[in-house]
Amino acid sequence: MSDKAVVDLNDIFPVKASVEDVQEKVAGWDVSPFKGKEVQLRGCSPTWAHLIVAGKLFGTAASVDFLMDDAKGGVSIPVFRK
């Protein structure tokens, strides 16, 4: 069992999803598989969508990073750490 996980936001909701659509999808999203893991968020979504997902993971994941410019190799930006 790995301590790290990658969440691609494109797998959760469409790139052009509205705030309401993202909030609805995330509300029903089971985050228990990420308990205690270091999670990296990636995907072609607005920053606010990454923050909504990070908020859902808060209290479950050990840490969350946002991978910016992942198509170019990426820059990992810490969102939170336990």
Protein backbone atom coordinates (compact mmCIF):
# COMPACT_ATOMS: atom_id res chain seq x y z
CA MET A 1 0.00 0.00 0.00
CA SER A 2 1.54 3.28 -1.12
CA ASP A 3 1.62 6.43 0.99
CA LYS A 4 1.21 8.54 -2.16
CA ALA A 5 -1.72 9.05 -4.51
CA VAL A 6 -2.44 11.15 -7.58
CA VAL A 7 -5.89 12.59 -8.19
CA ASP A 8 -6.55 13.79 -11.72
CA LEU A 9 -9.42 16.24 -11.55
CA ASN A 10 -10.25 15.46 -15.19
CA ASP A 11 -11.39 12.02 -13.95
CA ILE A 12 -13.86 13.58 -11.49
CA PHE A 13 -15.53 16.32 -13.53
CA PRO A 14 -15.26 17.97 -16.97
CA VAL A 15 -12.73 20.76 -17.52
CA LYS A 16 -15.45 23.36 -18.08
CA ALA A 17 -17.60 22.32 -15.09
CA SER A 18 -19.33 25.05 -13.09
CA VAL A 19 -18.65 25.68 -9.41
CA GLU A 20 -22.00 24.05 -8.60
CA ASP A 21 -21.16 20.95 -10.67
CA VAL A 22 -17.77 20.57 -8.98
CA GLN A 23 -19.25 21.04 -5.50
CA GLU A 24 -21.96 18.45 -6.25
CA LYS A 25 -19.46 15.87 -7.56
CA VAL A 26 -17.06 16.43 -4.67
CA ALA A 27 -19.83 16.25 -2.05
CA GLY A 28 -20.54 12.64 -3.03
CA TRP A 29 -16.89 11.67 -3.53
CA ASP A 30 -15.56 8.97 -1.19
CA VAL A 31 -12.16 10.15 0.03
CA SER A 32 -11.56 7.22 2.40
CA PRO A 33 -9.02 5.61 0.01
CA PHE A 34 -6.80 8.68 0.59
CA LYS A 35 -6.68 8.37 4.39
CA GLY A 36 -3.16 9.15 5.59
CA LYS A 37 -1.77 9.47 2.07
CA GLU A 38 0.22 12.22 0.42
CA VAL A 39 -2.08 13.34 -2.39
CA GLN A 40 -1.06 15.24 -5.50
CA LEU A 41 -3.81 17.04 -7.42
CA ARG A 42 -3.40 17.49 -11.14
CA GLY A 43 -5.58 18.15 -14.14
CA CYS A 44 -6.70 20.91 -16.41
CA SER A 45 -9.12 22.64 -14.06
CA PRO A 46 -9.30 26.12 -12.57
CA THR A 47 -7.48 26.71 -9.29
CA TRP A 48 -10.79 27.04 -7.44
CA ALA A 49 -11.67 23.46 -8.47
CA HIS A 50 -8.38 22.18 -7.04
CA LEU A 51 -9.11 24.04 -3.81
CA ILE A 52 -12.60 22.52 -3.52
CA VAL A 53 -11.08 19.05 -3.90
CA ALA A 54 -8.28 19.86 -1.44
CA GLY A 55 -10.90 21.02 1.06
CA LYS A 56 -12.67 17.68 0.77
CA LEU A 57 -9.37 15.87 1.42
CA PHE A 58 -8.51 18.02 4.45
CA GLY A 59 -8.65 15.91 7.58
CA THR A 60 -8.33 12.67 5.60
CA ALA A 61 -5.12 12.97 3.57
CA ALA A 62 -1.76 13.48 5.27
CA SER A 63 -0.94 16.20 2.75
CA VAL A 64 -2.14 17.69 -0.51
CA ASP A 65 -0.03 19.28 -3.24
CA PHE A 66 -1.23 21.05 -6.35
CA LEU A 67 0.75 20.18 -9.47
CA MET A 68 0.94 23.33 -11.58
CA ASP A 69 1.86 23.07 -15.28
CA ASP A 70 1.89 19.27 -15.14
CA ALA A 71 2.12 19.10 -18.95
CA LYS A 72 5.52 20.81 -18.68
CA GLY A 73 6.90 18.53 -15.98
CA GLY A 74 5.14 20.32 -13.16
CA VAL A 75 5.84 22.42 -10.14
CA SER A 76 4.50 20.96 -6.91
CA ILE A 77 2.85 23.55 -4.63
CA PRO A 78 1.96 22.43 -1.09
CA VAL A 79 -1.65 23.13 -0.12
CA PHE A 80 -1.54 21.57 3.36
CA ARG A 81 0.42 19.15 5.53
CA LYS A 82 -0.60 17.39 8.76
